[in-house]
Amino acid sequence: TLACNCAETGSPVEIASSTLDREPELRLTGDARLECM
């Protein structure tokens, strides 16, 4: 693990506070899951 330096599997999603204020419903399609970071 120390010698690997591989990028992590997946990618991030950032949602602005002003966007969250509009109370959107988050949808994900495809073979994946979301984790709150």
PDB file of all heavy atoms in Angstrom:
ATOM      1  N   THR A   1       0.828  -1.202   0.000  1.00  0.00           N
ATOM      2  CA  THR A   1       0.000   0.000   0.000  1.00  0.00           C
ATOM      3  C   THR A   1       0.862   1.251   0.000  1.00  0.00           C
ATOM      4  O   THR A   1       0.586   2.209  -0.704  1.00  0.00           O
ATOM      5  CB  THR A   1      -0.929   0.016   1.235  1.00  0.00           C
ATOM      6  OG1 THR A   1      -1.684  -1.186   1.221  1.00  0.00           O
ATOM      7  CG2 THR A   1      -1.849   1.210   1.217  1.00  0.00           C
ATOM      8  N   LEU A   2       1.909   1.260   0.769  1.00  0.00           N
ATOM      9  CA  LEU A   2       2.791   2.414   0.873  1.00  0.00           C
ATOM     10  C   LEU A   2       3.448   2.733  -0.464  1.00  0.00           C
ATOM     11  O   LEU A   2       3.563   3.885  -0.846  1.00  0.00           O
ATOM     12  CB  LEU A   2       3.865   2.153   1.945  1.00  0.00           C
ATOM     13  CG  LEU A   2       4.837   3.281   2.223  1.00  0.00           C
ATOM     14  CD1 LEU A   2       4.101   4.472   2.826  1.00  0.00           C
ATOM     15  CD2 LEU A   2       5.931   2.815   3.166  1.00  0.00           C
ATOM     16  N   ALA A   3       3.817   1.714  -1.208  1.00  0.00           N
ATOM     17  CA  ALA A   3       4.548   1.921  -2.456  1.00  0.00           C
ATOM     18  C   ALA A   3       3.627   2.128  -3.655  1.00  0.00           C
ATOM     19  O   ALA A   3       4.080   2.465  -4.726  1.00  0.00           O
ATOM     20  CB  ALA A   3       5.459   0.726  -2.707  1.00  0.00           C
ATOM     21  N   CYS A   4       2.326   1.940  -3.489  1.00  0.00           N
ATOM     22  CA  CYS A   4       1.393   1.920  -4.620  1.00  0.00           C
ATOM     23  C   CYS A   4       1.165   3.278  -5.269  1.00  0.00           C
ATOM     24  O   CYS A   4       1.332   3.432  -6.458  1.00  0.00           O
ATOM     25  CB  CYS A   4       0.059   1.340  -4.169  1.00  0.00           C
ATOM     26  SG  CYS A   4      -1.145   1.215  -5.491  1.00  0.00           S
ATOM     27  N   ASN A   5       0.714   4.287  -4.518  1.00  0.00           N
ATOM     28  CA  ASN A   5       0.367   5.608  -5.038  1.00  0.00           C
ATOM     29  C   ASN A   5      -0.722   5.553  -6.099  1.00  0.00           C
ATOM     30  O   ASN A   5      -0.732   6.348  -7.025  1.00  0.00           O
ATOM     31  CB  ASN A   5       1.594   6.336  -5.595  1.00  0.00           C
ATOM     32  CG  ASN A   5       2.474   6.862  -4.505  1.00  0.00           C
ATOM     33  OD1 ASN A   5       2.019   7.066  -3.386  1.00  0.00           O
ATOM     34  ND2 ASN A   5       3.735   7.060  -4.806  1.00  0.00           N
ATOM     35  N   CYS A   6      -1.640   4.607  -5.986  1.00  0.00           N
ATOM     36  CA  CYS A   6      -2.751   4.508  -6.933  1.00  0.00           C
ATOM     37  C   CYS A   6      -3.842   5.486  -6.525  1.00  0.00           C
ATOM     38  O   CYS A   6      -4.092   5.695  -5.342  1.00  0.00           O
ATOM     39  CB  CYS A   6      -3.333   3.100  -6.933  1.00  0.00           C
ATOM     40  SG  CYS A   6      -2.177   1.860  -7.524  1.00  0.00           S
ATOM     41  N   ALA A   7      -4.489   6.061  -7.510  1.00  0.00           N
ATOM     42  CA  ALA A   7      -5.639   6.919  -7.229  1.00  0.00           C
ATOM     43  C   ALA A   7      -6.769   6.056  -6.697  1.00  0.00           C
ATOM     44  O   ALA A   7      -6.868   4.876  -7.007  1.00  0.00           O
ATOM     45  CB  ALA A   7      -6.065   7.626  -8.507  1.00  0.00           C
ATOM     46  N   GLU A   8      -7.641   6.638  -5.879  1.00  0.00           N
ATOM     47  CA  GLU A   8      -8.746   5.888  -5.303  1.00  0.00           C
ATOM     48  C   GLU A   8      -9.775   5.521  -6.367  1.00  0.00           C
ATOM     49  O   GLU A   8      -9.956   6.231  -7.347  1.00  0.00           O
ATOM     50  CB  GLU A   8      -9.445   6.727  -4.234  1.00  0.00           C
ATOM     51  CG  GLU A   8      -8.580   6.979  -3.021  1.00  0.00           C
ATOM     52  CD  GLU A   8      -9.361   7.731  -1.961  1.00  0.00           C
ATOM     53  OE1 GLU A   8     -10.350   7.179  -1.473  1.00  0.00           O
ATOM     54  OE2 GLU A   8      -8.972   8.847  -1.652  1.00  0.00           O
ATOM     55  N   THR A   9     -10.459   4.409  -6.128  1.00  0.00           N
ATOM     56  CA  THR A   9     -11.568   4.020  -6.996  1.00  0.00           C
ATOM     57  C   THR A   9     -12.692   5.028  -6.828  1.00  0.00           C
ATOM     58  O   THR A   9     -13.008   5.424  -5.718  1.00  0.00           O
ATOM     59  CB  THR A   9     -12.049   2.598  -6.638  1.00  0.00           C
ATOM     60  OG1 THR A   9     -11.039   1.670  -7.035  1.00  0.00           O
ATOM     61  CG2 THR A   9     -13.347   2.251  -7.339  1.00  0.00           C
ATOM     62  N   GLY A  10     -13.301   5.463  -7.935  1.00  0.00           N
ATOM     63  CA  GLY A  10     -14.425   6.383  -7.867  1.00  0.00           C
ATOM     64  C   GLY A  10     -14.043   7.831  -8.098  1.00  0.00           C
ATOM     65  O   GLY A  10     -12.949   8.142  -8.559  1.00  0.00           O
ATOM     66  N   SER A  11     -14.984   8.729  -7.753  1.00  0.00           N
ATOM     67  CA  SER A  11     -14.758  10.157  -7.940  1.00  0.00           C
ATOM     68  C   SER A  11     -15.680  10.967  -7.021  1.00  0.00           C
ATOM     69  O   SER A  11     -16.718  10.477  -6.589  1.00  0.00           O
ATOM     70  CB  SER A  11     -14.972  10.551  -9.403  1.00  0.00           C
ATOM     71  OG  SER A  11     -16.300  10.272  -9.797  1.00  0.00           O
ATOM     72  N   PRO A  12     -15.287  12.226  -6.728  1.00  0.00           N
ATOM     73  CA  PRO A  12     -16.067  13.049  -5.792  1.00  0.00           C
ATOM     74  C   PRO A  12     -17.198  13.836  -6.454  1.00  0.00           C
ATOM     75  O   PRO A  12     -17.170  14.113  -7.649  1.00  0.00           O
ATOM     76  CB  PRO A  12     -15.012  14.012  -5.247  1.00  0.00           C
ATOM     77  CG  PRO A  12     -14.041  14.172  -6.370  1.00  0.00           C
ATOM     78  CD  PRO A  12     -14.009  12.843  -7.077  1.00  0.00           C
ATOM     79  N   VAL A  13     -18.184  14.187  -5.613  1.00  0.00           N
ATOM     80  CA  VAL A  13     -19.296  15.061  -6.004  1.00  0.00           C
ATOM     81  C   VAL A  13     -19.410  16.124  -4.926  1.00  0.00           C
ATOM     82  O   VAL A  13     -19.592  15.799  -3.757  1.00  0.00           O
ATOM     83  CB  VAL A  13     -20.633  14.290  -6.089  1.00  0.00           C
ATOM     84  CG1 VAL A  13     -21.770  15.247  -6.421  1.00  0.00           C
ATOM     85  CG2 VAL A  13     -20.547  13.154  -7.078  1.00  0.00           C
ATOM     86  N   GLU A  14     -19.273  17.393  -5.312  1.00  0.00           N
ATOM     87  CA  GLU A  14     -19.401  18.505  -4.375  1.00  0.00           C
ATOM     88  C   GLU A  14     -20.680  19.266  -4.681  1.00  0.00           C
ATOM     89  O   GLU A  14     -20.949  19.592  -5.838  1.00  0.00           O
ATOM     90  CB  GLU A  14     -18.204  19.449  -4.493  1.00  0.00           C
ATOM     91  CG  GLU A  14     -16.883  18.789  -4.153  1.00  0.00           C
ATOM     92  CD  GLU A  14     -15.694  19.717  -4.370  1.00  0.00           C
ATOM     93  OE1 GLU A  14     -15.883  20.862  -4.832  1.00  0.00           O
ATOM     94  OE2 GLU A  14     -14.578  19.279  -4.076  1.00  0.00           O
ATOM     95  N   ILE A  15     -21.465  19.544  -3.638  1.00  0.00           N
ATOM     96  CA  ILE A  15     -22.724  20.266  -3.817  1.00  0.00           C
ATOM     97  C   ILE A  15     -22.671  21.550  -2.994  1.00  0.00           C
ATOM     98  O   ILE A  15     -22.473  21.502  -1.773  1.00  0.00           O
ATOM     99  CB  ILE A  15     -23.934  19.411  -3.391  1.00  0.00           C
ATOM    100  CG1 ILE A  15     -23.925  18.078  -4.157  1.00  0.00           C
ATOM    101  CG2 ILE A  15     -25.234  20.166  -3.643  1.00  0.00           C
ATOM    102  CD1 ILE A  15     -24.988  17.107  -3.716  1.00  0.00           C
ATOM    103  N   ALA A  16     -22.833  22.674  -3.646  1.00  0.00           N
ATOM    104  CA  ALA A  16     -22.757  23.980  -2.983  1.00  0.00           C
ATOM    105  C   ALA A  16     -23.910  24.155  -2.001  1.00  0.00           C
ATOM    106  O   ALA A  16     -25.010  23.619  -2.196  1.00  0.00           O
ATOM    107  CB  ALA A  16     -22.791  25.094  -4.027  1.00  0.00           C
ATOM    108  N   SER A  17     -23.673  24.945  -0.975  1.00  0.00           N
ATOM    109  CA  SER A  17     -24.688  25.231   0.037  1.00  0.00           C
ATOM    110  C   SER A  17     -25.939  25.847  -0.590  1.00  0.00           C
ATOM    111  O   SER A  17     -27.064  25.493  -0.229  1.00  0.00           O
ATOM    112  CB  SER A  17     -24.096  26.164   1.095  1.00  0.00           C
ATOM    113  OG  SER A  17     -25.052  26.503   2.042  1.00  0.00           O
ATOM    114  N   SER A  18     -25.738  26.762  -1.533  1.00  0.00           N
ATOM    115  CA  SER A  18     -26.885  27.404  -2.195  1.00  0.00           C
ATOM    116  C   SER A  18     -27.714  26.389  -2.981  1.00  0.00           C
ATOM    117  O   SER A  18     -28.933  26.509  -3.092  1.00  0.00           O
ATOM    118  CB  SER A  18     -26.412  28.531  -3.111  1.00  0.00           C
ATOM    119  OG  SER A  18     -25.527  28.024  -4.092  1.00  0.00           O
ATOM    120  N   THR A  19     -27.067  25.358  -3.503  1.00  0.00           N
ATOM    121  CA  THR A  19     -27.786  24.294  -4.209  1.00  0.00           C
ATOM    122  C   THR A  19     -28.569  23.440  -3.215  1.00  0.00           C
ATOM    123  O   THR A  19     -29.723  23.102  -3.447  1.00  0.00           O
ATOM    124  CB  THR A  19     -26.797  23.423  -5.009  1.00  0.00           C
ATOM    125  OG1 THR A  19     -26.090  24.255  -5.926  1.00  0.00           O
ATOM    126  CG2 THR A  19     -27.509  22.325  -5.772  1.00  0.00           C
ATOM    127  N   LEU A  20     -27.952  23.104  -2.085  1.00  0.00           N
ATOM    128  CA  LEU A  20     -28.640  22.320  -1.054  1.00  0.00           C
ATOM    129  C   LEU A  20     -29.840  23.065  -0.482  1.00  0.00           C
ATOM    130  O   LEU A  20     -30.840  22.443  -0.116  1.00  0.00           O
ATOM    131  CB  LEU A  20     -27.668  21.942   0.061  1.00  0.00           C
ATOM    132  CG  LEU A  20     -26.599  20.904  -0.301  1.00  0.00           C
ATOM    133  CD1 LEU A  20     -25.602  20.752   0.835  1.00  0.00           C
ATOM    134  CD2 LEU A  20     -27.238  19.576  -0.641  1.00  0.00           C
ATOM    135  N   ASP A  21     -29.754  24.399  -0.431  1.00  0.00           N
ATOM    136  CA  ASP A  21     -30.872  25.215   0.068  1.00  0.00           C
ATOM    137  C   ASP A  21     -32.127  25.024  -0.779  1.00  0.00           C
ATOM    138  O   ASP A  21     -33.244  25.212  -0.288  1.00  0.00           O
ATOM    139  CB  ASP A  21     -30.495  26.702   0.098  1.00  0.00           C
ATOM    140  CG  ASP A  21     -29.468  27.028   1.171  1.00  0.00           C
ATOM    141  OD1 ASP A  21     -29.277  26.191   2.088  1.00  0.00           O
ATOM    142  OD2 ASP A  21     -28.853  28.107   1.086  1.00  0.00           O
ATOM    143  N   ARG A  22     -31.960  24.644  -2.042  1.00  0.00           N
ATOM    144  CA  ARG A  22     -33.106  24.429  -2.949  1.00  0.00           C
ATOM    145  C   ARG A  22     -33.714  23.040  -2.779  1.00  0.00           C
ATOM    146  O   ARG A  22     -34.651  22.681  -3.462  1.00  0.00           O
ATOM    147  CB  ARG A  22     -32.663  24.649  -4.390  1.00  0.00           C
ATOM    148  CG  ARG A  22     -32.260  26.094  -4.664  1.00  0.00           C
ATOM    149  CD  ARG A  22     -31.787  26.303  -6.085  1.00  0.00           C
ATOM    150  NE  ARG A  22     -32.780  25.880  -7.066  1.00  0.00           N
ATOM    151  CZ  ARG A  22     -32.496  25.606  -8.326  1.00  0.00           C
ATOM    152  NH1 ARG A  22     -31.252  25.700  -8.771  1.00  0.00           N
ATOM    153  NH2 ARG A  22     -33.443  25.230  -9.167  1.00  0.00           N
ATOM    154  N   GLU A  23     -33.182  22.244  -1.863  1.00  0.00           N
ATOM    155  CA  GLU A  23     -33.682  20.914  -1.493  1.00  0.00           C
ATOM    156  C   GLU A  23     -33.862  19.970  -2.682  1.00  0.00           C
ATOM    157  O   GLU A  23     -34.949  19.440  -2.930  1.00  0.00           O
ATOM    158  CB  GLU A  23     -34.980  21.043  -0.700  1.00  0.00           C
ATOM    159  CG  GLU A  23     -34.807  21.822   0.579  1.00  0.00           C
ATOM    160  CD  GLU A  23     -36.104  21.977   1.370  1.00  0.00           C
ATOM    161  OE1 GLU A  23     -37.177  21.559   0.886  1.00  0.00           O
ATOM    162  OE2 GLU A  23     -36.016  22.508   2.479  1.00  0.00           O
ATOM    163  N   PRO A  24     -32.778  19.690  -3.397  1.00  0.00           N
ATOM    164  CA  PRO A  24     -32.887  18.770  -4.538  1.00  0.00           C
ATOM    165  C   PRO A  24     -32.961  17.313  -4.072  1.00  0.00           C
ATOM    166  O   PRO A  24     -32.555  16.978  -2.955  1.00  0.00           O
ATOM    167  CB  PRO A  24     -31.584  19.012  -5.298  1.00  0.00           C
ATOM    168  CG  PRO A  24     -30.615  19.373  -4.225  1.00  0.00           C
ATOM    169  CD  PRO A  24     -31.417  20.195  -3.238  1.00  0.00           C
ATOM    170  N   GLU A  25     -33.468  16.468  -4.955  1.00  0.00           N
ATOM    171  CA  GLU A  25     -33.435  15.030  -4.724  1.00  0.00           C
ATOM    172  C   GLU A  25     -32.271  14.484  -5.539  1.00  0.00           C
ATOM    173  O   GLU A  25     -32.175  14.731  -6.747  1.00  0.00           O
ATOM    174  CB  GLU A  25     -34.742  14.395  -5.176  1.00  0.00           C
ATOM    175  CG  GLU A  25     -34.838  12.929  -4.825  1.00  0.00           C
ATOM    176  CD  GLU A  25     -36.192  12.349  -5.153  1.00  0.00           C
ATOM    177  OE1 GLU A  25     -37.196  13.083  -5.132  1.00  0.00           O
ATOM    178  OE2 GLU A  25     -36.236  11.141  -5.457  1.00  0.00           O
ATOM    179  N   LEU A  26     -31.389  13.764  -4.900  1.00  0.00           N
ATOM    180  CA  LEU A  26     -30.196  13.223  -5.539  1.00  0.00           C
ATOM    181  C   LEU A  26     -30.517  11.856  -6.136  1.00  0.00           C
ATOM    182  O   LEU A  26     -31.104  11.001  -5.462  1.00  0.00           O
ATOM    183  CB  LEU A  26     -29.086  13.100  -4.502  1.00  0.00           C
ATOM    184  CG  LEU A  26     -27.713  12.672  -4.955  1.00  0.00           C
ATOM    185  CD1 LEU A  26     -27.124  13.682  -5.923  1.00  0.00           C
ATOM    186  CD2 LEU A  26     -26.802  12.513  -3.752  1.00  0.00           C
ATOM    187  N   ARG A  27     -30.152  11.671  -7.409  1.00  0.00           N
ATOM    188  CA  ARG A  27     -30.404  10.399  -8.096  1.00  0.00           C
ATOM    189  C   ARG A  27     -29.109   9.901  -8.727  1.00  0.00           C
ATOM    190  O   ARG A  27     -28.340  10.683  -9.275  1.00  0.00           O
ATOM    191  CB  ARG A  27     -31.457  10.560  -9.177  1.00  0.00           C
ATOM    192  CG  ARG A  27     -32.809  10.998  -8.648  1.00  0.00           C
ATOM    193  CD  ARG A  27     -33.850  10.980  -9.759  1.00  0.00           C
ATOM    194  NE  ARG A  27     -35.097  11.524  -9.306  1.00  0.00           N
ATOM    195  CZ  ARG A  27     -36.050  10.819  -8.703  1.00  0.00           C
ATOM    196  NH1 ARG A  27     -35.866   9.549  -8.473  1.00  0.00           N
ATOM    197  NH2 ARG A  27     -37.174  11.394  -8.343  1.00  0.00           N
ATOM    198  N   LEU A  28     -28.915   8.597  -8.648  1.00  0.00           N
ATOM    199  CA  LEU A  28     -27.729   7.966  -9.215  1.00  0.00           C
ATOM    200  C   LEU A  28     -28.190   6.796 -10.075  1.00  0.00           C
ATOM    201  O   LEU A  28     -28.963   5.949  -9.613  1.00  0.00           O
ATOM    202  CB  LEU A  28     -26.815   7.475  -8.094  1.00  0.00           C
ATOM    203  CG  LEU A  28     -25.461   6.915  -8.492  1.00  0.00           C
ATOM    204  CD1 LEU A  28     -24.551   8.041  -9.010  1.00  0.00           C
ATOM    205  CD2 LEU A  28     -24.801   6.233  -7.315  1.00  0.00           C
ATOM    206  N   THR A  29     -27.751   6.753 -11.329  1.00  0.00           N
ATOM    207  CA  THR A  29     -28.051   5.618 -12.195  1.00  0.00           C
ATOM    208  C   THR A  29     -26.739   5.007 -12.656  1.00  0.00           C
ATOM    209  O   THR A  29     -25.744   5.700 -12.829  1.00  0.00           O
ATOM    210  CB  THR A  29     -28.904   6.028 -13.417  1.00  0.00           C
ATOM    211  OG1 THR A  29     -28.208   7.028 -14.159  1.00  0.00           O
ATOM    212  CG2 THR A  29     -30.256   6.561 -12.990  1.00  0.00           C
ATOM    213  N   GLY A  30     -26.756   3.720 -12.852  1.00  0.00           N
ATOM    214  CA  GLY A  30     -25.543   2.988 -13.189  1.00  0.00           C
ATOM    215  C   GLY A  30     -25.196   2.086 -12.019  1.00  0.00           C
ATOM    216  O   GLY A  30     -25.808   2.140 -10.952  1.00  0.00           O
ATOM    217  N   ASP A  31     -24.207   1.245 -12.218  1.00  0.00           N
ATOM    218  CA  ASP A  31     -23.813   0.282 -11.193  1.00  0.00           C
ATOM    219  C   ASP A  31     -22.817   0.928 -10.244  1.00  0.00           C
ATOM    220  O   ASP A  31     -21.603   0.769 -10.377  1.00  0.00           O
ATOM    221  CB  ASP A  31     -23.220  -0.962 -11.867  1.00  0.00           C
ATOM    222  CG  ASP A  31     -23.213  -2.166 -10.942  1.00  0.00           C
ATOM    223  OD1 ASP A  31     -23.605  -2.016  -9.768  1.00  0.00           O
ATOM    224  OD2 ASP A  31     -22.813  -3.249 -11.389  1.00  0.00           O
ATOM    225  N   ALA A  32     -23.349   1.714  -9.290  1.00  0.00           N
ATOM    226  CA  ALA A  32     -22.502   2.451  -8.347  1.00  0.00           C
ATOM    227  C   ALA A  32     -23.313   2.783  -7.104  1.00  0.00           C
ATOM    228  O   ALA A  32     -24.534   2.660  -7.094  1.00  0.00           O
ATOM    229  CB  ALA A  32     -21.984   3.730  -8.995  1.00  0.00           C
ATOM    230  N   ARG A  33     -22.617   3.242  -6.081  1.00  0.00           N
ATOM    231  CA  ARG A  33     -23.280   3.713  -4.865  1.00  0.00           C
ATOM    232  C   ARG A  33     -22.634   5.025  -4.441  1.00  0.00           C
ATOM    233  O   ARG A  33     -21.531   5.357  -4.866  1.00  0.00           O
ATOM    234  CB  ARG A  33     -23.212   2.674  -3.758  1.00  0.00           C
ATOM    235  CG  ARG A  33     -21.836   2.490  -3.141  1.00  0.00           C
ATOM    236  CD  ARG A  33     -21.855   1.458  -2.001  1.00  0.00           C
ATOM    237  NE  ARG A  33     -20.628   1.489  -1.251  1.00  0.00           N
ATOM    238  CZ  ARG A  33     -19.494   0.932  -1.614  1.00  0.00           C
ATOM    239  NH1 ARG A  33     -19.425   0.270  -2.755  1.00  0.00           N
ATOM    240  NH2 ARG A  33     -18.416   1.027  -0.865  1.00  0.00           N
ATOM    241  N   LEU A  34     -23.342   5.762  -3.591  1.00  0.00           N
ATOM    242  CA  LEU A  34     -22.841   7.025  -3.059  1.00  0.00           C
ATOM    243  C   LEU A  34     -22.481   6.859  -1.587  1.00  0.00           C
ATOM    244  O   LEU A  34     -23.205   6.199  -0.847  1.00  0.00           O
ATOM    245  CB  LEU A  34     -23.895   8.122  -3.172  1.00  0.00           C
ATOM    246  CG  LEU A  34     -24.150   8.694  -4.548  1.00  0.00           C
ATOM    247  CD1 LEU A  34     -25.318   9.658  -4.494  1.00  0.00           C
ATOM    248  CD2 LEU A  34     -22.907   9.412  -5.061  1.00  0.00           C
ATOM    249  N   GLU A  35     -21.385   7.483  -1.187  1.00  0.00           N
ATOM    250  CA  GLU A  35     -21.001   7.545   0.221  1.00  0.00           C
ATOM    251  C   GLU A  35     -20.848   9.009   0.598  1.00  0.00           C
ATOM    252  O   GLU A  35     -20.209   9.767  -0.126  1.00  0.00           O
ATOM    253  CB  GLU A  35     -19.679   6.815   0.459  1.00  0.00           C
ATOM    254  CG  GLU A  35     -19.759   5.328   0.237  1.00  0.00           C
ATOM    255  CD  GLU A  35     -18.432   4.631   0.481  1.00  0.00           C
ATOM    256  OE1 GLU A  35     -17.444   5.302   0.844  1.00  0.00           O
ATOM    257  OE2 GLU A  35     -18.382   3.400   0.301  1.00  0.00           O
ATOM    258  N   CYS A  36     -21.445   9.397   1.716  1.00  0.00           N
ATOM    259  CA  CYS A  36     -21.297  10.773   2.185  1.00  0.00           C
ATOM    260  C   CYS A  36     -19.911  10.932   2.810  1.00  0.00           C
ATOM    261  O   CYS A  36     -19.523  10.162   3.683  1.00  0.00           O
ATOM    262  CB  CYS A  36     -22.381  11.106   3.211  1.00  0.00           C
ATOM    263  SG  CYS A  36     -22.289  12.819   3.781  1.00  0.00           S
ATOM    264  N   MET A  37     -19.184  11.938   2.355  1.00  0.00           N
ATOM    265  CA  MET A  37     -17.826  12.163   2.842  1.00  0.00           C
ATOM    266  C   MET A  37     -17.726  13.364   3.785  1.00  0.00           C
ATOM    267  O   MET A  37     -16.789  13.468   4.557  1.00  0.00           O
ATOM    268  CB  MET A  37     -16.871  12.371   1.661  1.00  0.00           C
ATOM    269  CG  MET A  37     -16.852  11.212   0.683  1.00  0.00           C
ATOM    270  SD  MET A  37     -16.392   9.649   1.428  1.00  0.00           S
ATOM    271  CE  MET A  37     -14.671   9.930   1.737  1.00  0.00           C
TER     272      MET A  37
END
